[in-house]
């Protein structure tokens, strides 16, 4: 069982920046996949950024050049730095991880943190 706890959400004006953190209960080096998703009311959860086993970070087109995902491979924390935020970035942001357990991929989600971009 892996616990994921997000922090760092809040309210910011358009053009501002916020940083999110995701603390995992295990070393992130033990996780097969890590990423960030976001969801607005009434919509499906959407990928923001993800890092797979090839260590290449993939971003949604809507956040490329503005968001940066990083992680401390020696530790247990993943980050999402969000710059030049837009009102359409308003959503609940979720940390996501996959761990391989006995040849089975097991998904884990954090509880979510609200990000609101508004003037």
N, C-alpha and C. Protein backbone atom coordinates (compact mmCIF):
# COMPACT_ATOMS: atom_id res chain seq x y z
N UNK A 1 0.84 -1.19 0.00
CA UNK A 1 0.00 0.00 0.00
C UNK A 1 0.88 1.25 0.00
N UNK A 2 0.56 2.17 -0.89
CA UNK A 2 1.30 3.41 -1.00
C UNK A 2 0.35 4.56 -0.69
N UNK A 3 0.75 5.43 0.20
CA UNK A 3 -0.03 6.65 0.46
C UNK A 3 0.63 7.82 -0.24
N UNK A 4 -0.21 8.66 -0.84
CA UNK A 4 0.25 9.87 -1.52
C UNK A 4 -0.46 11.06 -0.90
N UNK A 5 0.30 12.07 -0.51
CA UNK A 5 -0.29 13.25 0.12
C UNK A 5 0.18 14.50 -0.61
N UNK A 6 -0.79 15.21 -1.22
CA UNK A 6 -0.45 16.44 -1.93
C UNK A 6 -0.50 17.63 -0.97
N UNK A 7 0.25 18.66 -1.34
CA UNK A 7 0.18 19.93 -0.62
C UNK A 7 0.59 21.04 -1.57
N UNK A 8 0.23 22.27 -1.21
CA UNK A 8 0.69 23.43 -1.98
C UNK A 8 -0.37 24.11 -2.81
N UNK A 9 -1.59 23.60 -2.83
CA UNK A 9 -2.63 24.27 -3.60
C UNK A 9 -3.01 25.60 -2.97
N UNK A 10 -3.83 26.35 -3.70
CA UNK A 10 -4.28 27.63 -3.17
C UNK A 10 -4.88 28.49 -4.26
N UNK A 11 -4.96 29.77 -3.97
CA UNK A 11 -5.54 30.74 -4.90
C UNK A 11 -4.42 31.64 -5.40
N UNK A 12 -4.40 31.86 -6.71
CA UNK A 12 -3.36 32.69 -7.32
C UNK A 12 -3.98 33.48 -8.46
N UNK A 13 -3.42 34.64 -8.73
CA UNK A 13 -3.91 35.46 -9.84
C UNK A 13 -3.37 34.94 -11.17
N UNK A 14 -4.07 35.20 -12.25
CA UNK A 14 -3.55 34.82 -13.58
C UNK A 14 -2.14 35.36 -13.79
N UNK A 15 -1.29 34.50 -14.34
CA UNK A 15 0.10 34.88 -14.54
C UNK A 15 1.00 34.54 -13.37
N UNK A 16 0.40 34.13 -12.27
CA UNK A 16 1.18 33.78 -11.08
C UNK A 16 1.69 32.36 -11.12
N UNK A 17 2.33 31.97 -10.01
CA UNK A 17 2.95 30.65 -9.91
C UNK A 17 2.53 29.95 -8.63
N UNK A 18 2.51 28.63 -8.70
CA UNK A 18 2.27 27.80 -7.52
C UNK A 18 3.11 26.54 -7.66
N UNK A 19 3.52 26.00 -6.51
CA UNK A 19 4.23 24.74 -6.53
C UNK A 19 3.48 23.71 -5.72
N UNK A 20 3.30 22.54 -6.29
CA UNK A 20 2.64 21.44 -5.58
C UNK A 20 3.67 20.39 -5.20
N UNK A 21 3.43 19.74 -4.09
CA UNK A 21 4.28 18.63 -3.66
C UNK A 21 3.43 17.39 -3.45
N UNK A 22 4.04 16.25 -3.65
CA UNK A 22 3.37 14.97 -3.41
C UNK A 22 4.34 14.09 -2.63
N UNK A 23 4.00 13.84 -1.39
CA UNK A 23 4.85 12.99 -0.54
C UNK A 23 4.32 11.57 -0.58
N UNK A 24 5.19 10.65 -0.99
CA UNK A 24 4.81 9.24 -1.04
C UNK A 24 5.30 8.53 0.21
N UNK A 25 4.62 7.45 0.57
CA UNK A 25 5.01 6.70 1.77
C UNK A 25 6.15 5.73 1.48
N UNK A 26 6.58 5.67 0.20
CA UNK A 26 7.73 4.86 -0.17
C UNK A 26 8.66 5.69 -1.02
N UNK A 27 9.88 5.23 -1.20
CA UNK A 27 10.79 5.93 -2.09
C UNK A 27 10.23 5.93 -3.51
N UNK A 28 10.32 7.08 -4.17
CA UNK A 28 9.76 7.14 -5.52
C UNK A 28 10.55 6.28 -6.50
N UNK A 29 11.73 5.87 -6.13
CA UNK A 29 12.50 4.96 -6.98
C UNK A 29 11.83 3.58 -7.06
N UNK A 30 10.90 3.31 -6.12
CA UNK A 30 10.19 2.03 -6.12
C UNK A 30 8.89 2.09 -6.91
N UNK A 31 8.59 3.24 -7.47
CA UNK A 31 7.33 3.40 -8.21
C UNK A 31 7.58 3.33 -9.70
N UNK A 32 6.72 2.63 -10.38
CA UNK A 32 6.88 2.40 -11.82
C UNK A 32 6.50 3.64 -12.62
N UNK A 33 5.47 4.31 -12.18
CA UNK A 33 4.95 5.50 -12.85
C UNK A 33 4.60 6.52 -11.78
N UNK A 34 4.87 7.79 -12.07
CA UNK A 34 4.38 8.87 -11.20
C UNK A 34 3.88 9.99 -12.08
N UNK A 35 2.86 10.68 -11.61
CA UNK A 35 2.34 11.76 -12.42
C UNK A 35 1.36 12.64 -11.68
N UNK A 36 0.86 13.61 -12.39
CA UNK A 36 -0.14 14.56 -11.89
C UNK A 36 -1.32 14.58 -12.85
N UNK A 37 -2.50 14.58 -12.29
CA UNK A 37 -3.74 14.72 -13.03
C UNK A 37 -4.52 15.88 -12.43
N UNK A 38 -5.50 16.37 -13.17
CA UNK A 38 -6.38 17.39 -12.63
C UNK A 38 -7.80 17.14 -13.08
N UNK A 39 -8.73 17.67 -12.30
CA UNK A 39 -10.14 17.43 -12.57
C UNK A 39 -10.95 18.63 -12.17
N UNK A 40 -11.85 19.05 -13.07
CA UNK A 40 -12.82 20.08 -12.75
C UNK A 40 -14.18 19.43 -12.59
N UNK A 41 -15.07 20.10 -11.93
CA UNK A 41 -16.39 19.54 -11.64
C UNK A 41 -17.11 19.16 -12.92
N UNK A 42 -17.56 17.93 -12.99
CA UNK A 42 -18.31 17.47 -14.14
C UNK A 42 -17.46 16.92 -15.27
N UNK A 43 -16.16 17.03 -15.14
CA UNK A 43 -15.27 16.53 -16.19
C UNK A 43 -14.49 15.31 -15.71
N UNK A 44 -13.94 14.59 -16.67
CA UNK A 44 -13.09 13.46 -16.32
C UNK A 44 -11.72 13.97 -15.88
N UNK A 45 -11.03 13.13 -15.10
CA UNK A 45 -9.69 13.46 -14.67
C UNK A 45 -8.77 13.46 -15.90
N UNK A 46 -7.93 14.50 -16.00
CA UNK A 46 -7.08 14.66 -17.17
C UNK A 46 -5.61 14.64 -16.78
N UNK A 47 -4.80 14.06 -17.63
CA UNK A 47 -3.36 14.01 -17.40
C UNK A 47 -2.76 15.41 -17.50
N UNK A 48 -1.89 15.73 -16.55
CA UNK A 48 -1.12 16.97 -16.60
C UNK A 48 0.32 16.65 -16.98
N UNK A 49 0.92 15.73 -16.26
CA UNK A 49 2.31 15.34 -16.52
C UNK A 49 2.52 13.95 -15.94
N UNK A 50 3.38 13.17 -16.62
CA UNK A 50 3.64 11.81 -16.15
C UNK A 50 5.06 11.42 -16.52
N UNK A 51 5.69 10.64 -15.65
CA UNK A 51 7.00 10.08 -15.95
C UNK A 51 6.88 8.56 -15.89
N UNK A 52 7.32 7.93 -16.97
CA UNK A 52 7.22 6.48 -17.08
C UNK A 52 8.58 5.85 -16.80
N UNK A 53 8.69 4.56 -17.06
CA UNK A 53 9.92 3.86 -16.76
C UNK A 53 11.12 4.33 -17.56
N UNK A 54 10.87 5.03 -18.67
CA UNK A 54 11.99 5.53 -19.49
C UNK A 54 12.52 6.86 -18.96
N UNK A 55 11.95 7.34 -17.86
CA UNK A 55 12.39 8.60 -17.23
C UNK A 55 12.15 9.82 -18.10
N UNK A 56 11.31 9.70 -19.09
CA UNK A 56 10.95 10.86 -19.91
C UNK A 56 9.64 11.43 -19.35
N UNK A 57 9.62 12.72 -19.12
CA UNK A 57 8.42 13.35 -18.60
C UNK A 57 7.56 13.82 -19.77
N UNK A 58 6.30 13.45 -19.73
CA UNK A 58 5.37 13.85 -20.76
C UNK A 58 4.36 14.82 -20.17
N UNK A 59 4.09 15.90 -20.93
CA UNK A 59 3.17 16.94 -20.47
C UNK A 59 1.97 17.04 -21.39
N UNK A 60 0.84 17.41 -20.82
CA UNK A 60 -0.31 17.76 -21.63
C UNK A 60 0.04 19.00 -22.46
N UNK A 61 -0.47 19.07 -23.67
CA UNK A 61 -0.16 20.21 -24.53
C UNK A 61 -0.54 21.54 -23.87
N UNK A 62 -1.59 21.53 -23.09
CA UNK A 62 -2.10 22.76 -22.48
C UNK A 62 -1.16 23.33 -21.42
N UNK A 63 -0.21 22.53 -20.92
CA UNK A 63 0.68 23.01 -19.86
C UNK A 63 2.15 23.05 -20.28
N UNK A 64 2.45 22.56 -21.47
CA UNK A 64 3.84 22.55 -21.93
C UNK A 64 4.44 23.95 -21.90
N UNK A 65 5.66 24.04 -21.39
CA UNK A 65 6.35 25.32 -21.31
C UNK A 65 5.97 26.14 -20.09
N UNK A 66 4.94 25.72 -19.37
CA UNK A 66 4.52 26.45 -18.16
C UNK A 66 4.67 25.61 -16.89
N UNK A 67 4.46 24.33 -16.99
CA UNK A 67 4.53 23.43 -15.83
C UNK A 67 5.79 22.57 -15.92
N UNK A 68 6.37 22.30 -14.77
CA UNK A 68 7.54 21.44 -14.70
C UNK A 68 7.37 20.42 -13.60
N UNK A 69 7.47 19.16 -13.96
CA UNK A 69 7.40 18.08 -12.99
C UNK A 69 8.80 17.64 -12.65
N UNK A 70 9.04 17.37 -11.35
CA UNK A 70 10.35 16.89 -10.94
C UNK A 70 10.17 16.00 -9.72
N UNK A 71 11.24 15.30 -9.40
CA UNK A 71 11.17 14.41 -8.25
C UNK A 71 12.54 14.18 -7.66
N UNK A 72 12.53 13.84 -6.41
CA UNK A 72 13.76 13.53 -5.71
C UNK A 72 13.90 12.02 -5.70
N UNK A 73 14.66 11.46 -6.64
CA UNK A 73 14.75 10.00 -6.79
C UNK A 73 15.34 9.35 -5.55
N UNK A 74 16.11 10.11 -4.82
CA UNK A 74 16.71 9.55 -3.61
C UNK A 74 15.74 9.63 -2.43
N UNK A 75 14.63 10.33 -2.65
CA UNK A 75 13.68 10.52 -1.57
C UNK A 75 12.29 10.04 -1.93
N UNK A 76 11.29 10.70 -1.39
CA UNK A 76 9.92 10.24 -1.59
C UNK A 76 8.97 11.35 -2.01
N UNK A 77 9.50 12.42 -2.60
CA UNK A 77 8.65 13.55 -2.93
C UNK A 77 8.72 13.89 -4.42
N UNK A 78 7.56 14.19 -4.97
CA UNK A 78 7.44 14.62 -6.36
C UNK A 78 6.86 16.02 -6.35
N UNK A 79 7.24 16.82 -7.35
CA UNK A 79 6.83 18.22 -7.39
C UNK A 79 6.20 18.57 -8.74
N UNK A 80 5.36 19.60 -8.69
CA UNK A 80 4.83 20.18 -9.92
C UNK A 80 4.91 21.69 -9.76
N UNK A 81 5.80 22.31 -10.52
CA UNK A 81 5.93 23.76 -10.50
C UNK A 81 5.07 24.32 -11.63
N UNK A 82 4.17 25.20 -11.28
CA UNK A 82 3.23 25.75 -12.25
C UNK A 82 3.46 27.25 -12.38
N UNK A 83 3.83 27.69 -13.57
CA UNK A 83 4.08 29.10 -13.84
C UNK A 83 3.11 29.63 -14.87
N UNK A 84 2.99 30.94 -14.90
CA UNK A 84 2.09 31.61 -15.87
C UNK A 84 0.71 30.95 -15.85
N UNK A 85 0.16 30.83 -14.67
CA UNK A 85 -1.11 30.14 -14.51
C UNK A 85 -2.25 30.90 -15.17
N UNK A 86 -3.20 30.13 -15.69
CA UNK A 86 -4.35 30.69 -16.39
C UNK A 86 -5.63 30.25 -15.66
N UNK A 87 -6.71 30.99 -15.83
CA UNK A 87 -7.97 30.58 -15.18
C UNK A 87 -8.38 29.15 -15.53
N UNK A 88 -8.07 28.72 -16.73
CA UNK A 88 -8.44 27.35 -17.15
C UNK A 88 -7.60 26.28 -16.46
N UNK A 89 -6.58 26.68 -15.71
CA UNK A 89 -5.81 25.72 -14.91
C UNK A 89 -6.51 25.42 -13.58
N UNK A 90 -7.56 26.15 -13.28
CA UNK A 90 -8.31 25.91 -12.04
C UNK A 90 -8.87 24.49 -12.03
N UNK A 91 -8.54 23.74 -10.98
CA UNK A 91 -8.96 22.34 -10.89
C UNK A 91 -8.47 21.78 -9.56
N UNK A 92 -8.94 20.57 -9.27
CA UNK A 92 -8.34 19.79 -8.19
C UNK A 92 -7.21 18.97 -8.81
N UNK A 93 -6.03 19.08 -8.24
CA UNK A 93 -4.86 18.39 -8.76
C UNK A 93 -4.58 17.15 -7.92
N UNK A 94 -4.36 16.03 -8.60
CA UNK A 94 -4.14 14.75 -7.93
C UNK A 94 -2.76 14.19 -8.28
N UNK A 95 -2.10 13.68 -7.29
CA UNK A 95 -0.87 12.93 -7.47
C UNK A 95 -1.24 11.48 -7.77
N UNK A 96 -0.48 10.85 -8.65
CA UNK A 96 -0.80 9.50 -9.12
C UNK A 96 0.47 8.67 -9.16
N UNK A 97 0.36 7.42 -8.80
CA UNK A 97 1.51 6.53 -8.86
C UNK A 97 1.07 5.11 -9.18
N UNK A 98 1.98 4.38 -9.78
CA UNK A 98 1.76 2.96 -10.06
C UNK A 98 2.93 2.18 -9.48
N UNK A 99 2.59 1.14 -8.75
CA UNK A 99 3.62 0.26 -8.21
C UNK A 99 3.37 -1.15 -8.73
N UNK A 100 4.46 -1.79 -9.13
CA UNK A 100 4.36 -3.18 -9.58
C UNK A 100 4.40 -4.08 -8.35
N UNK A 101 3.32 -4.81 -8.13
CA UNK A 101 3.21 -5.69 -6.97
C UNK A 101 2.87 -7.09 -7.47
N UNK A 102 3.79 -8.01 -7.32
CA UNK A 102 3.58 -9.40 -7.73
C UNK A 102 3.08 -9.47 -9.17
N UNK A 103 3.79 -8.79 -10.06
CA UNK A 103 3.48 -8.77 -11.50
C UNK A 103 2.18 -8.06 -11.84
N UNK A 104 1.62 -7.34 -10.91
CA UNK A 104 0.38 -6.58 -11.14
C UNK A 104 0.62 -5.10 -10.89
N UNK A 105 0.16 -4.29 -11.84
CA UNK A 105 0.26 -2.84 -11.65
C UNK A 105 -0.87 -2.37 -10.74
N UNK A 106 -0.51 -1.70 -9.66
CA UNK A 106 -1.49 -1.19 -8.71
C UNK A 106 -1.45 0.33 -8.74
N UNK A 107 -2.62 0.95 -8.93
CA UNK A 107 -2.73 2.41 -9.01
C UNK A 107 -2.99 3.00 -7.64
N UNK A 108 -2.39 4.17 -7.40
CA UNK A 108 -2.63 4.92 -6.17
C UNK A 108 -2.89 6.38 -6.50
N UNK A 109 -3.77 6.99 -5.73
CA UNK A 109 -4.11 8.40 -5.90
C UNK A 109 -4.01 9.12 -4.57
N UNK A 110 -3.59 10.38 -4.65
CA UNK A 110 -3.67 11.23 -3.48
C UNK A 110 -5.08 11.76 -3.31
N UNK A 111 -5.28 12.55 -2.26
CA UNK A 111 -6.61 13.05 -1.94
C UNK A 111 -6.97 14.28 -2.75
N UNK A 112 -6.00 14.88 -3.40
CA UNK A 112 -6.25 16.05 -4.23
C UNK A 112 -6.02 17.36 -3.50
N UNK A 113 -5.62 18.37 -4.26
CA UNK A 113 -5.45 19.71 -3.70
C UNK A 113 -6.00 20.72 -4.70
N UNK A 114 -6.76 21.68 -4.19
CA UNK A 114 -7.45 22.65 -5.05
C UNK A 114 -6.49 23.75 -5.48
N UNK A 115 -6.51 24.02 -6.78
CA UNK A 115 -5.79 25.16 -7.34
C UNK A 115 -6.82 26.06 -8.02
N UNK A 116 -6.86 27.31 -7.61
CA UNK A 116 -7.80 28.27 -8.17
C UNK A 116 -7.03 29.45 -8.73
N UNK A 117 -7.24 29.72 -10.02
CA UNK A 117 -6.59 30.86 -10.68
C UNK A 117 -7.66 31.88 -10.99
N UNK A 118 -7.61 32.99 -10.29
CA UNK A 118 -8.67 33.99 -10.42
C UNK A 118 -8.16 35.36 -10.04
N UNK A 119 -8.67 36.37 -10.73
CA UNK A 119 -8.31 37.74 -10.36
C UNK A 119 -9.34 38.31 -9.39
